[in-house]
Every structure is written in C-alpha cells, then in structure tokens.
Amino acid sequence: MSRQNHMLYNSNNKKYIRHEDFIAGISKGMAILDSFGTDRQRLNISTAAEKTGMTRAAARRHLLTLEYLGYLESDGHFFYLSPKVLKFSGSYLGGAQLPKISQPLLNLLTTQTSLIYSVMVLDGYEAITIARSAAHQQTDRVNPYGLHLGNRLPAHATSAGKILLAYLDTVTQQEWLDQYPLQRLTKYTHTDNLIFLDLLSAIKEQDWCYSSEEHELGVHALAVPIYGQQSRVVAALNIVSPTMRTTKEYLVQHILPLLQQTARELRNTL
C-alpha cells in the first residue's frame, strides 16, 4: 500500500498523520469548538450538526461533553464558549516569541503616531491578531474591526491577509483559492481569482500592501511582511485607520517607513 493510503493530510498546515495515530473523537470535538466565532457566538444542536457535518445525535453528545468538561456553557437550548477556552490563548500568548517581542515595538509606534497597529498570522481562511496596540484615548468609533487579540479577519479582504497570501508559493495560493472562494464583503472586495492572483504577485514584488474598504467601508490599512529564519514570512505588521482620519498618501509616505523599520527590527530578533 502506498504512503498516501497510510497517511491523512491536512491541507491547511501541510501536515501528515498516520491513519492509526489519528483520533477522530478529538477531531470532532475541535470541529465543534471551531464552529464558534464572532458571528456565531451561540450554537444549538442543529446548527452545530450543520457546521460540522455530524448527525444531530453526535453533535449533541459532543456539545454535552464539552459542557461537562467546562469548555461550553448552556442555557438549556443554546451552547456558548466558557471562559475556560481562554486558557489556550493565554498559554500561546505567554509562550510564543513573536507576540512578546512585538508588543513593545507596537506600543512605541502607537506612542509616535496615535494609530492602531497589529501583528497577524494566517490560519486557513483568516488572518488572526496575535499582538496589537491602540492609543489610550481611542474609542470604538475609531477602532475599526474591533481589533482585539485573537480577532479573525478574512484574509483576502485585508492588508495583512493579502501580505500573508502573497508569500505563499503559487501552488499553495491556488489551493487556498480552491478551498476558500473569494467572498464579496463590500463593493471593493476582489472576487475574481485571476485578478486576485495578479494582485498578490504585485504585493510580493513591492513588499507591502495597501487595502481600502475591502472588508469594511470607511476603513483602510497598510501592511508589511515580517521575516523570520531562512527569509520566510512568518507574520504581517499592519496599521488600520478610518479613511476620514488618514489618507493613503499619509500612510504610504509617513507610516510605511515606520512599519518597514519595525519589521526589520523584529527580523533581527527572531
């Protein structure tokens, strides 16, 4: 029997696992937890079954087990995440190198400019915020996206996401598009695959990305890659601002050099 018949393959992270080492129960339980998000904060049994492809009976057992273990709470009809799930994010943020070394540099950028900065990494369809800063005087009115730690944004419609996609190889880019069809979020969102691939090529060539109102009207952003070892892009550093507060020219002329310098400092410490 061939290696492929012995192995399971995860296209998201390019990982293989032997079939006999794969625990389906853990996979199904994690699929339940993955079904929750900022747009799906509460799930009933039917919705959980639909999102995971399980039967209603299987979804019910997994939901009840996760509630028993303390990762979910329930009002008797809907299930929702409990504070216990924060244990995982806390462990990651406490142990991962990039969030730790990024934070003081993000704080410095904010002190200099009073704008919002984030470091983001790619996870499947989305870019995730793993470090962020914001001026103390800012309010939700000028805090687009609600950029909190762990916030997830569609990669194709954000500057940081497009940076991260631009540095994938062309085969992986096509696989990503096949798995995650481009969704229109505003009238400015790119939805044509060929045009989008050309855009990613241009972003990689110039080594930065400007994005305007593709995810949310009235918001634009600028991002640069963060390089790690072997010159591999490991994350993106971005600035997000309301269009009524800053212009593209200001971001490119005044903020881009700051982002590039910060990215170089991060590269030297990774």
Protein backbone atom coordinates (compact mmCIF):
# COMPACT_ATOMS: atom_id res chain seq x y z
CA MET A 1 0.00 0.00 0.00
CA SER A 2 1.30 3.47 -0.86
CA ARG A 3 2.31 6.11 1.68
CA GLN A 4 -0.71 8.22 0.73
CA ASN A 5 -3.04 5.34 1.66
CA HIS A 6 -1.39 5.08 5.08
CA MET A 7 -1.48 8.80 5.77
CA LEU A 8 -4.03 11.54 6.34
CA TYR A 9 -3.21 15.02 5.03
CA ASN A 10 -4.26 18.42 6.41
CA SER A 11 -4.21 20.91 3.53
CA ASN A 12 -4.34 23.88 5.94
CA ASN A 13 -0.98 23.25 7.59
CA LYS A 14 0.56 20.72 5.17
CA LYS A 15 0.79 18.12 7.93
CA TYR A 16 0.52 14.34 7.59
CA ILE A 17 -0.51 11.85 10.24
CA ARG A 18 -0.68 8.09 10.13
CA HIS A 19 -4.26 6.86 9.99
CA GLU A 20 -3.74 4.72 13.10
CA ASP A 21 -2.47 7.76 15.04
CA PHE A 22 -5.47 9.94 14.21
CA ILE A 23 -8.12 10.25 16.97
CA ALA A 24 -11.44 11.04 15.34
CA GLY A 25 -13.10 11.97 18.63
CA ILE A 26 -10.64 14.80 19.28
CA SER A 27 -11.08 16.00 15.70
CA LYS A 28 -14.86 16.13 16.09
CA GLY A 29 -14.65 17.90 19.42
CA MET A 30 -12.34 20.53 17.98
CA ALA A 31 -14.68 20.90 14.99
CA ILE A 32 -17.43 21.85 17.45
CA LEU A 33 -15.21 24.47 19.09
CA ASP A 34 -14.10 25.77 15.68
CA SER A 35 -17.76 26.35 14.80
CA PHE A 36 -17.94 29.23 17.24
CA GLY A 37 -16.84 32.68 16.11
CA THR A 38 -17.58 36.37 16.43
CA ASP A 39 -20.52 35.89 14.07
CA ARG A 40 -21.62 32.63 15.74
CA GLN A 41 -21.38 33.11 19.49
CA ARG A 42 -24.22 30.70 20.32
CA LEU A 43 -24.99 27.34 18.71
CA ASN A 44 -27.86 24.94 19.14
CA ILE A 45 -27.63 21.24 18.29
CA SER A 46 -28.99 21.64 14.77
CA THR A 47 -26.57 24.44 13.88
CA ALA A 48 -23.61 22.57 15.35
CA ALA A 49 -24.54 19.49 13.32
CA GLU A 50 -24.83 21.58 10.16
CA LYS A 51 -21.48 23.34 10.70
CA THR A 52 -19.54 20.15 11.45
CA GLY A 53 -21.28 17.63 9.20
CA MET A 54 -22.21 15.45 12.18
CA THR A 55 -25.57 13.92 12.86
CA ARG A 56 -27.69 15.76 15.41
CA ALA A 57 -27.17 12.90 17.87
CA ALA A 58 -23.37 13.08 17.53
CA ALA A 59 -23.35 16.88 17.75
CA ARG A 60 -25.48 16.71 20.89
CA ARG A 61 -23.08 14.27 22.57
CA HIS A 62 -20.06 16.40 21.72
CA LEU A 63 -21.75 19.58 22.94
CA LEU A 64 -22.78 17.95 26.21
CA THR A 65 -19.29 16.50 26.71
CA LEU A 66 -17.64 19.88 26.15
CA GLU A 67 -20.13 21.43 28.56
CA TYR A 68 -19.32 18.73 31.12
CA LEU A 69 -15.59 19.42 30.71
CA GLY A 70 -16.20 23.14 31.24
CA TYR A 71 -15.39 24.47 27.77
CA LEU A 72 -19.01 25.30 26.96
CA GLU A 73 -21.94 26.71 28.89
CA SER A 74 -25.61 26.33 28.03
CA ASP A 75 -28.94 27.98 28.73
CA GLY A 76 -30.74 24.73 28.00
CA HIS A 77 -31.14 25.43 24.30
CA PHE A 78 -28.04 27.26 23.06
CA PHE A 79 -24.40 26.50 23.84
CA TYR A 80 -21.68 29.14 24.08
CA LEU A 81 -17.97 29.20 24.92
CA SER A 82 -16.95 29.45 28.56
CA PRO A 83 -14.01 31.47 29.91
CA LYS A 84 -12.04 28.23 30.20
CA VAL A 85 -11.19 28.35 26.48
CA LEU A 86 -9.06 31.43 27.19
CA LYS A 87 -6.58 29.11 28.87
CA PHE A 88 -5.32 28.10 25.44
CA SER A 89 -4.89 31.63 24.10
CA GLY A 90 -3.23 32.68 27.36
CA SER A 91 -0.77 29.81 27.10
CA TYR A 92 0.03 30.69 23.50
CA LEU A 93 0.48 34.42 24.14
CA GLY A 94 2.54 33.68 27.24
CA GLY A 95 4.87 31.29 25.48
CA ALA A 96 5.09 32.39 21.85
CA GLN A 97 8.08 34.54 20.95
CA LEU A 98 6.57 36.84 18.32
CA PRO A 99 3.78 38.40 20.44
CA LYS A 100 6.25 39.08 23.26
CA ILE A 101 8.88 40.82 21.17
CA SER A 102 6.28 42.65 19.05
CA GLN A 103 4.38 44.29 21.87
CA PRO A 104 6.90 46.95 22.96
CA LEU A 105 7.54 47.89 19.32
CA LEU A 106 3.81 48.21 18.65
CA ASN A 107 3.45 50.35 21.75
CA LEU A 108 6.25 52.59 20.50
CA LEU A 109 4.56 53.00 17.11
CA THR A 110 1.34 53.97 18.81
CA THR A 111 3.12 56.48 21.06
CA GLN A 112 4.65 58.06 17.96
CA THR A 113 1.51 58.20 15.82
CA SER A 114 -1.60 57.51 17.98
CA LEU A 115 -2.74 54.89 15.45
CA ILE A 116 -3.66 51.21 15.73
CA TYR A 117 -1.03 48.54 14.92
CA SER A 118 -1.28 44.77 14.85
CA VAL A 119 0.76 41.67 14.14
CA MET A 120 -1.23 38.99 12.35
CA VAL A 121 -0.69 35.40 11.17
CA LEU A 122 -2.57 33.27 8.66
CA ASP A 123 -4.89 30.48 9.79
CA GLY A 124 -6.84 28.95 6.94
CA TYR A 125 -9.33 31.48 5.56
CA GLU A 126 -8.47 34.15 8.13
CA ALA A 127 -5.72 36.35 9.48
CA ILE A 128 -5.52 36.34 13.29
CA THR A 129 -4.35 39.18 15.54
CA ILE A 130 -1.63 37.91 17.91
CA ALA A 131 -0.41 41.31 19.12
CA ARG A 132 -1.90 44.79 18.96
CA SER A 133 -1.69 48.31 20.30
CA ALA A 134 -4.02 51.29 20.35
CA ALA A 135 -3.86 54.82 21.69
CA HIS A 136 -5.48 55.09 25.11
CA GLN A 137 -7.74 57.92 24.01
CA GLN A 138 -9.19 55.95 21.10
CA THR A 139 -12.74 54.71 21.27
CA ASP A 140 -14.71 52.09 19.33
CA ARG A 141 -15.61 54.84 16.88
CA VAL A 142 -12.05 54.90 15.60
CA ASN A 143 -11.18 51.29 16.38
CA PRO A 144 -12.15 49.53 13.13
CA TYR A 145 -12.73 45.78 13.12
CA GLY A 146 -12.70 45.69 16.94
CA LEU A 147 -9.05 44.65 16.67
CA HIS A 148 -8.70 42.67 19.87
CA LEU A 149 -6.25 39.84 20.42
CA GLY A 150 -7.47 36.72 18.67
CA ASN A 151 -9.66 38.68 16.28
CA ARG A 152 -10.03 36.88 12.95
CA LEU A 153 -10.48 38.66 9.61
CA PRO A 154 -10.98 37.27 6.09
CA ALA A 155 -7.50 37.18 4.59
CA HIS A 156 -8.47 38.12 1.03
CA ALA A 157 -10.04 41.43 2.12
CA THR A 158 -7.38 42.76 4.50
CA SER A 159 -3.89 44.19 4.00
CA ALA A 160 -2.25 41.79 6.46
CA GLY A 161 -4.08 38.80 4.99
CA LYS A 162 -3.04 39.64 1.44
CA ILE A 163 0.58 40.05 2.56
CA LEU A 164 0.49 36.58 4.10
CA LEU A 165 -1.13 35.08 0.99
CA ALA A 166 1.29 36.87 -1.35
CA TYR A 167 4.28 34.99 0.06
CA LEU A 168 2.77 31.54 -0.36
CA ASP A 169 4.01 29.63 -3.38
CA THR A 170 1.75 29.71 -6.44
CA VAL A 171 0.51 26.14 -5.97
CA THR A 172 -0.48 26.85 -2.37
CA GLN A 173 -2.18 30.08 -3.42
CA GLN A 174 -4.31 28.20 -5.93
CA GLU A 175 -5.15 25.53 -3.36
CA TRP A 176 -6.19 28.29 -0.95
CA LEU A 177 -8.49 29.84 -3.56
CA ASP A 178 -9.99 26.44 -4.36
CA GLN A 179 -10.71 25.85 -0.67
CA TYR A 180 -11.83 29.38 0.18
CA PRO A 181 -13.72 31.04 -2.71
CA LEU A 182 -13.40 34.83 -2.62
CA GLN A 183 -16.45 36.30 -0.89
CA ARG A 184 -17.71 39.81 -1.57
CA LEU A 185 -17.84 41.80 1.66
CA THR A 186 -18.08 45.32 0.19
CA LYS A 187 -18.26 46.69 -3.35
CA TYR A 188 -14.46 47.00 -3.27
CA THR A 189 -13.69 43.37 -2.38
CA HIS A 190 -11.74 41.41 -5.01
CA THR A 191 -13.70 38.35 -6.13
CA ASP A 192 -12.02 37.39 -9.42
CA ASN A 193 -9.34 34.73 -8.90
CA LEU A 194 -7.07 35.77 -11.77
CA ILE A 195 -7.14 39.44 -10.80
CA PHE A 196 -6.54 38.49 -7.18
CA LEU A 197 -3.52 36.33 -8.05
CA ASP A 198 -2.07 39.19 -10.11
CA LEU A 199 -2.62 41.47 -7.12
CA LEU A 200 -0.76 39.07 -4.82
CA SER A 201 2.15 38.99 -7.28
CA ALA A 202 2.32 42.80 -7.29
CA ILE A 203 2.16 42.90 -3.48
CA LYS A 204 5.06 40.47 -3.20
CA GLU A 205 7.12 42.49 -5.67
CA GLN A 206 6.67 45.79 -3.81
CA ASP A 207 6.91 44.11 -0.38
CA TRP A 208 3.93 45.96 1.14
CA CYS A 209 0.17 46.10 0.72
CA TYR A 210 -2.39 48.89 0.88
CA SER A 211 -6.05 47.92 1.19
CA SER A 212 -9.04 50.26 1.24
CA GLU A 213 -12.62 49.43 2.22
CA GLU A 214 -12.41 45.82 1.04
CA HIS A 215 -13.56 44.43 4.39
CA GLU A 216 -15.33 47.39 5.96
CA LEU A 217 -16.42 50.69 4.42
CA GLY A 218 -14.65 53.73 5.81
CA VAL A 219 -11.54 51.76 6.81
CA HIS A 220 -8.19 51.38 5.10
CA ALA A 221 -4.98 49.64 6.07
CA LEU A 222 -1.33 49.15 5.23
CA ALA A 223 0.79 46.06 5.93
CA VAL A 224 4.35 44.80 5.53
CA PRO A 225 5.76 41.28 5.94
CA ILE A 226 7.70 40.14 8.99
CA TYR A 227 10.51 37.81 8.01
CA GLY A 228 11.85 35.04 10.19
CA GLN A 229 14.57 32.48 9.66
CA GLN A 230 15.56 31.46 6.12
CA SER A 231 13.91 34.69 4.90
CA ARG A 232 10.47 33.12 5.39
CA VAL A 233 7.50 35.40 6.04
CA VAL A 234 6.07 34.43 9.42
CA ALA A 235 3.57 37.26 10.05
CA ALA A 236 2.36 40.65 8.88
CA LEU A 237 2.61 44.02 10.61
CA ASN A 238 -0.21 46.41 9.79
CA ILE A 239 -1.79 49.75 10.50
CA VAL A 240 -5.58 50.15 10.38
CA SER A 241 -7.26 53.55 10.30
CA PRO A 242 -10.58 55.18 9.39
CA THR A 243 -10.39 56.84 5.97
CA MET A 244 -11.77 60.04 7.49
CA ARG A 245 -8.73 60.25 9.78
CA THR A 246 -5.83 59.43 7.44
CA THR A 247 -5.22 59.45 3.69
CA LYS A 248 -3.49 56.83 1.58
CA GLU A 249 -0.71 59.32 0.87
CA TYR A 250 -0.13 59.85 4.60
CA LEU A 251 0.01 56.11 5.31
CA VAL A 252 2.40 55.41 2.44
CA GLN A 253 4.67 58.41 2.93
CA HIS A 254 4.82 58.61 6.73
CA ILE A 255 3.66 55.29 8.21
CA LEU A 256 5.11 52.78 5.72
CA PRO A 257 8.74 53.66 6.62
CA LEU A 258 7.92 53.14 10.31
CA LEU A 259 6.35 49.74 9.58
CA GLN A 260 9.33 48.68 7.47
CA GLN A 261 11.81 49.73 10.15
CA THR A 262 9.85 47.89 12.84
CA ALA A 263 9.65 44.78 10.67
CA ARG A 264 13.44 44.89 10.24
CA GLU A 265 13.91 45.14 14.00
CA LEU A 266 11.63 42.14 14.51
CA ARG A 267 13.54 40.15 11.89
CA ASN A 268 16.79 40.78 13.72
CA THR A 269 15.37 39.31 16.94
CA LEU A 270 13.54 36.28 15.52
